[in-house]
Amino acid sequence: MKKILLNRMTDEMPEDICRFVSSANIYDSSCSPEAKVYFIDKGKGYYLKCSGRGRLEAEAKMTEYFHLKGFGAEVLNYSSSDRDWLLTTAVMGEDGACEEYLMQPKRLCDTIAYELRKLHETDYTDCPIPDRTGEYLAFAQKNYRTGNYDKSHFPDSFGYCSAEEAYEVLTTQKDALQSKVLLHGDYCLPNIVLNNWKLSGFIDVGNGGVGDRHIDIFWGIWTLWFNLKTNKYYGRFLDAYGRDKVDESMLRIVAAAEVFG
């Protein structure tokens, strides 16, 4: 996770958060234009995320839920007014995209597959997002109607020739996607924090909820392709996860949703 020391904050924090982080060094740790992320160098460390109004509500709920399950950061403060602010403890360790882990790709592949299977076997009673699959499909359909189509970030094996081809698959086969496991929703190496190869916790769980396991499996395959610059760990990942719970034809349906953002 990158950290750039800031001389001053450009965003005006809520008073209670401002008091909490006063006198601490603050670092820019953002990696997406959709939200700003700050590392607060105080005690064991904290993260402060800032985004548009209402955009962090689901993440605050799911982060708290993951924490209760024992594999997420603790939510210390969430506020929503002109903007959303989310303050959490730091999850100890380094994310899966750091060089230490990328240097052992087979072990990394197996580790994130095992941890994903364990996540999917977690009891999801009282999950605050009970039908993430429905929200996921509605979002993809909305983006199709507004012309948001981009398959450039996906391996050729998941590609579609046109938006219409992908949408045809999505509309005719979407009912195969079910809500049956606790889903991370963005299962990529930067969101999996390891401490000496043991899971320390998951971060950025705003797309999580009760959903179809193949969404996370798709992203697990994708992140290995993207970060390791090869698709040769596709089969190994599925083996390590457990092919008894995988239907590879479902990955093409997930891809049909993902090309619409």
Protein backbone atom coordinates (compact mmCIF):
# COMPACT_ATOMS: atom_id res chain seq x y z
CA MET A 1 0.00 0.00 0.00
CA LYS A 2 1.54 3.27 -1.05
CA LYS A 3 1.85 6.05 1.51
CA ILE A 4 2.74 9.66 0.61
CA LEU A 5 3.25 12.04 3.51
CA LEU A 6 1.00 15.08 3.32
CA ASN A 7 1.93 18.55 4.53
CA ARG A 8 -1.74 19.32 5.04
CA MET A 9 -5.17 17.81 4.45
CA THR A 10 -7.03 19.18 1.45
CA ASP A 11 -10.35 17.73 2.66
CA GLU A 12 -12.16 19.24 5.63
CA MET A 13 -12.71 16.44 8.13
CA PRO A 14 -15.62 16.25 10.58
CA GLU A 15 -14.73 17.72 13.96
CA ASP A 16 -14.67 14.47 15.93
CA ILE A 17 -12.41 12.78 13.38
CA CYS A 18 -10.21 15.88 13.22
CA ARG A 19 -9.69 15.74 16.97
CA PHE A 20 -8.87 12.04 16.82
CA VAL A 21 -6.15 12.41 14.17
CA SER A 22 -4.69 15.66 15.49
CA SER A 23 -0.90 15.70 15.88
CA ALA A 24 -0.53 12.48 13.83
CA ASN A 25 1.25 12.27 10.50
CA ILE A 26 -1.22 11.74 7.67
CA TYR A 27 -0.36 9.92 4.45
CA ASP A 28 -2.22 9.71 1.15
CA SER A 29 -2.84 6.01 0.47
CA SER A 30 -5.41 6.41 -2.31
CA CYS A 31 -5.46 4.01 -5.24
CA SER A 32 -8.78 4.89 -6.88
CA PRO A 33 -10.38 8.13 -8.11
CA GLU A 34 -13.66 7.03 -6.50
CA ALA A 35 -12.43 7.64 -2.95
CA LYS A 36 -9.57 9.19 -1.06
CA VAL A 37 -7.81 7.03 1.52
CA TYR A 38 -5.56 8.38 4.24
CA PHE A 39 -3.27 6.46 6.57
CA ILE A 40 -3.17 7.94 10.06
CA ASP A 41 0.19 7.20 11.70
CA LYS A 42 -1.00 6.93 15.28
CA GLY A 43 -0.73 3.96 17.61
CA LYS A 44 -1.02 0.79 15.50
CA GLY A 45 -2.36 2.84 12.60
CA TYR A 46 -5.74 3.83 11.21
CA TYR A 47 -7.29 4.37 7.80
CA LEU A 48 -9.63 7.19 6.90
CA LYS A 49 -11.66 6.99 3.70
CA CYS A 50 -13.53 9.89 2.12
CA SER A 51 -16.03 9.73 -0.76
CA GLY A 52 -19.26 11.21 -2.04
CA ARG A 53 -22.36 11.35 0.10
CA GLY A 54 -23.82 7.90 0.72
CA ARG A 55 -21.07 6.05 -1.14
CA LEU A 56 -19.45 4.53 1.94
CA GLU A 57 -22.62 3.43 3.72
CA ALA A 58 -22.49 -0.16 2.47
CA GLU A 59 -18.76 -0.36 3.13
CA ALA A 60 -19.22 0.82 6.71
CA LYS A 61 -21.90 -1.85 7.30
CA MET A 62 -19.93 -4.66 5.69
CA THR A 63 -16.62 -3.67 7.32
CA GLU A 64 -18.30 -3.83 10.71
CA TYR A 65 -19.85 -7.19 9.82
CA PHE A 66 -16.52 -8.64 8.64
CA HIS A 67 -14.94 -7.40 11.87
CA LEU A 68 -17.58 -9.22 13.90
CA LYS A 69 -16.73 -12.38 11.94
CA GLY A 70 -13.07 -11.96 12.87
CA PHE A 71 -11.50 -10.97 9.57
CA GLY A 72 -11.84 -7.25 9.07
CA ALA A 73 -10.95 -3.83 10.43
CA GLU A 74 -12.90 -2.27 13.28
CA VAL A 75 -15.12 0.66 12.32
CA LEU A 76 -14.47 3.56 14.69
CA ASN A 77 -16.49 6.28 13.00
CA TYR A 78 -18.81 6.65 10.02
CA SER A 79 -20.43 9.95 9.17
CA SER A 80 -22.39 11.16 6.16
CA SER A 81 -23.24 14.78 5.42
CA ASP A 82 -21.87 16.63 2.41
CA ARG A 83 -19.40 13.77 2.09
CA ASP A 84 -18.94 10.31 3.62
CA TRP A 85 -16.12 9.61 6.07
CA LEU A 86 -15.12 6.16 7.33
CA LEU A 87 -12.46 5.70 10.03
CA THR A 88 -11.19 2.19 10.77
CA THR A 89 -8.33 0.49 12.49
CA ALA A 90 -5.53 -0.76 10.26
CA VAL A 91 -5.35 -4.47 9.45
CA MET A 92 -1.86 -5.62 10.38
CA GLY A 93 0.35 -6.93 7.59
CA GLU A 94 0.87 -6.32 3.89
CA ASP A 95 -1.57 -6.80 1.06
CA GLY A 96 -1.21 -9.71 -1.35
CA ALA A 97 0.14 -7.49 -4.11
CA CYS A 98 3.37 -6.68 -2.26
CA GLU A 99 6.60 -8.04 -3.71
CA GLU A 100 7.18 -10.47 -0.85
CA TYR A 101 4.10 -12.45 -1.84
CA LEU A 102 4.30 -11.99 -5.61
CA MET A 103 7.74 -13.63 -5.54
CA GLN A 104 6.08 -16.93 -4.54
CA PRO A 105 3.15 -17.10 -6.97
CA LYS A 106 2.18 -20.73 -6.38
CA ARG A 107 1.99 -20.26 -2.64
CA LEU A 108 0.13 -16.98 -3.12
CA CYS A 109 -2.37 -18.61 -5.46
CA ASP A 110 -3.05 -21.43 -3.02
CA THR A 111 -3.28 -19.10 -0.03
CA ILE A 112 -5.89 -16.75 -1.49
CA ALA A 113 -7.90 -19.70 -2.84
CA TYR A 114 -7.95 -21.42 0.58
CA GLU A 115 -8.92 -18.18 2.33
CA LEU A 116 -11.70 -17.55 -0.18
CA ARG A 117 -13.17 -21.00 0.38
CA LYS A 118 -13.09 -20.38 4.14
CA LEU A 119 -14.83 -17.04 3.68
CA HIS A 120 -17.54 -18.68 1.57
CA GLU A 121 -18.14 -21.27 4.28
CA THR A 122 -18.69 -18.59 6.93
CA ASP A 123 -22.16 -18.29 8.45
CA TYR A 124 -23.79 -15.19 6.96
CA THR A 125 -26.72 -14.92 9.37
CA ASP A 126 -27.76 -11.27 9.89
CA CYS A 127 -25.57 -9.99 7.04
CA PRO A 128 -26.65 -6.38 6.41
CA ILE A 129 -26.61 -6.89 2.61
CA PRO A 130 -28.79 -10.01 2.16
CA ASP A 131 -29.03 -9.96 -1.66
CA ARG A 132 -25.82 -8.65 -3.11
CA THR A 133 -26.43 -10.68 -6.28
CA GLY A 134 -29.62 -8.75 -7.05
CA GLU A 135 -27.84 -5.42 -6.59
CA TYR A 136 -24.91 -6.65 -8.69
CA LEU A 137 -27.10 -7.63 -11.63
CA ALA A 138 -29.17 -4.44 -11.44
CA PHE A 139 -25.98 -2.36 -11.58
CA ALA A 140 -24.72 -4.23 -14.66
CA GLN A 141 -28.04 -3.80 -16.45
CA LYS A 142 -28.11 -0.09 -15.63
CA ASN A 143 -24.61 0.36 -17.03
CA TYR A 144 -25.56 -1.48 -20.22
CA ARG A 145 -28.41 0.98 -20.77
CA THR A 146 -26.07 3.94 -20.25
CA GLY A 147 -23.41 2.57 -22.60
CA ASN A 148 -20.79 1.69 -19.99
CA TYR A 149 -18.99 -1.24 -21.62
CA ASP A 150 -15.30 -2.06 -21.25
CA LYS A 151 -13.71 -5.48 -21.59
CA SER A 152 -10.13 -4.19 -21.81
CA HIS A 153 -9.20 -5.23 -18.27
CA PHE A 154 -10.15 -8.89 -18.65
CA PRO A 155 -8.25 -11.87 -20.07
CA ASP A 156 -9.24 -12.93 -23.58
CA SER A 157 -10.77 -16.12 -22.18
CA PHE A 158 -13.45 -13.98 -20.52
CA GLY A 159 -13.88 -11.51 -23.37
CA TYR A 160 -16.91 -10.69 -25.47
CA CYS A 161 -16.95 -9.32 -29.02
CA SER A 162 -19.60 -6.71 -28.24
CA ALA A 163 -21.80 -5.25 -25.54
CA GLU A 164 -24.79 -6.91 -27.16
CA GLU A 165 -23.19 -10.36 -26.99
CA ALA A 166 -22.37 -9.92 -23.30
CA TYR A 167 -25.82 -8.55 -22.52
CA GLU A 168 -27.51 -11.46 -24.26
CA VAL A 169 -25.67 -13.88 -21.97
CA LEU A 170 -26.43 -11.73 -18.94
CA THR A 171 -30.16 -11.48 -19.60
CA THR A 172 -30.70 -15.13 -20.54
CA GLN A 173 -28.52 -16.71 -17.85
CA LYS A 174 -28.53 -14.26 -14.93
CA ASP A 175 -30.95 -16.39 -12.90
CA ALA A 176 -28.20 -18.98 -12.49
CA LEU A 177 -26.41 -16.57 -10.14
CA GLN A 178 -27.60 -17.12 -6.59
CA SER A 179 -27.05 -15.52 -3.18
CA LYS A 180 -25.69 -18.37 -1.09
CA VAL A 181 -22.34 -17.35 0.44
CA LEU A 182 -20.74 -14.45 2.27
CA LEU A 183 -19.14 -12.52 -0.57
CA HIS A 184 -16.18 -10.15 -0.48
CA GLY A 185 -17.26 -8.54 -3.75
CA ASP A 186 -13.84 -7.27 -4.87
CA TYR A 187 -11.56 -10.20 -4.18
CA CYS A 188 -8.27 -8.79 -5.44
CA LEU A 189 -4.77 -9.04 -4.01
CA PRO A 190 -4.67 -5.43 -2.70
CA ASN A 191 -7.77 -6.20 -0.62
CA ILE A 192 -6.36 -9.35 1.00
CA VAL A 193 -4.03 -8.52 3.90
CA LEU A 194 -1.57 -11.22 4.96
CA ASN A 195 0.79 -11.33 7.90
CA ASN A 196 3.62 -13.81 7.32
CA TRP A 197 1.38 -15.72 4.89
CA LYS A 198 -1.54 -15.95 7.31
CA LEU A 199 -4.75 -14.03 6.67
CA SER A 200 -4.87 -10.89 8.75
CA GLY A 201 -8.10 -9.55 7.27
CA PHE A 202 -10.01 -8.28 4.26
CA ILE A 203 -10.42 -4.62 3.32
CA ASP A 204 -12.56 -2.67 0.83
CA VAL A 205 -15.62 -4.85 1.37
CA GLY A 206 -18.15 -2.28 0.16
CA ASN A 207 -19.31 -4.64 -2.59
CA GLY A 208 -19.74 -7.52 -0.18
CA GLY A 209 -22.87 -9.20 1.08
CA VAL A 210 -24.68 -12.46 0.52
CA GLY A 211 -24.00 -13.39 -3.09
CA ASP A 212 -22.87 -15.94 -5.63
CA ARG A 213 -19.45 -17.48 -4.93
CA HIS A 214 -18.50 -17.29 -8.62
CA ILE A 215 -18.25 -13.49 -8.43
CA ASP A 216 -15.37 -13.79 -5.95
CA ILE A 217 -13.89 -16.75 -7.83
CA PHE A 218 -13.87 -14.69 -11.02
CA TRP A 219 -11.98 -11.89 -9.29
CA GLY A 220 -9.56 -14.31 -7.64
CA ILE A 221 -8.63 -15.63 -11.08
CA TRP A 222 -8.52 -12.11 -12.50
CA THR A 223 -6.21 -10.71 -9.82
CA LEU A 224 -3.65 -13.47 -10.34
CA TRP A 225 -3.74 -12.81 -14.11
CA PHE A 226 -3.44 -9.07 -13.61
CA ASN A 227 -0.75 -9.01 -10.92
CA LEU A 228 1.34 -11.95 -12.14
CA LYS A 229 0.93 -11.11 -15.86
CA THR A 230 -0.06 -14.67 -16.73
CA ASN A 231 -3.20 -16.78 -16.77
CA LYS A 232 -1.39 -20.03 -15.95
CA TYR A 233 -2.67 -20.09 -12.36
CA TYR A 234 -6.31 -20.32 -13.45
CA GLY A 235 -6.56 -24.09 -12.94
CA ARG A 236 -4.39 -24.12 -9.84
CA PHE A 237 -6.62 -21.53 -8.19
CA LEU A 238 -9.74 -23.61 -8.89
CA ASP A 239 -8.04 -26.76 -7.60
CA ALA A 240 -6.98 -25.02 -4.39
CA TYR A 241 -10.42 -23.50 -3.88
CA GLY A 242 -12.11 -26.85 -4.51
CA ARG A 243 -13.69 -27.76 -7.83
CA ASP A 244 -16.55 -29.45 -6.00
CA LYS A 245 -18.03 -25.97 -5.52
CA VAL A 246 -17.12 -24.47 -8.89
CA ASP A 247 -19.14 -24.38 -12.10
CA GLU A 248 -16.81 -22.86 -14.69
CA SER A 249 -19.71 -21.97 -17.00
CA MET A 250 -20.83 -19.50 -14.32
CA LEU A 251 -17.65 -17.51 -14.77
CA ARG A 252 -18.74 -16.51 -18.25
CA ILE A 253 -22.00 -15.14 -16.80
CA VAL A 254 -20.06 -13.16 -14.20
CA ALA A 255 -17.80 -11.82 -16.98
CA ALA A 256 -20.91 -10.72 -18.88
CA ALA A 257 -21.84 -8.57 -15.87
CA GLU A 258 -18.32 -7.31 -15.19
CA VAL A 259 -17.76 -5.83 -18.65
CA PHE A 260 -20.48 -3.34 -17.74
CA GLY A 261 -18.48 -2.01 -14.83
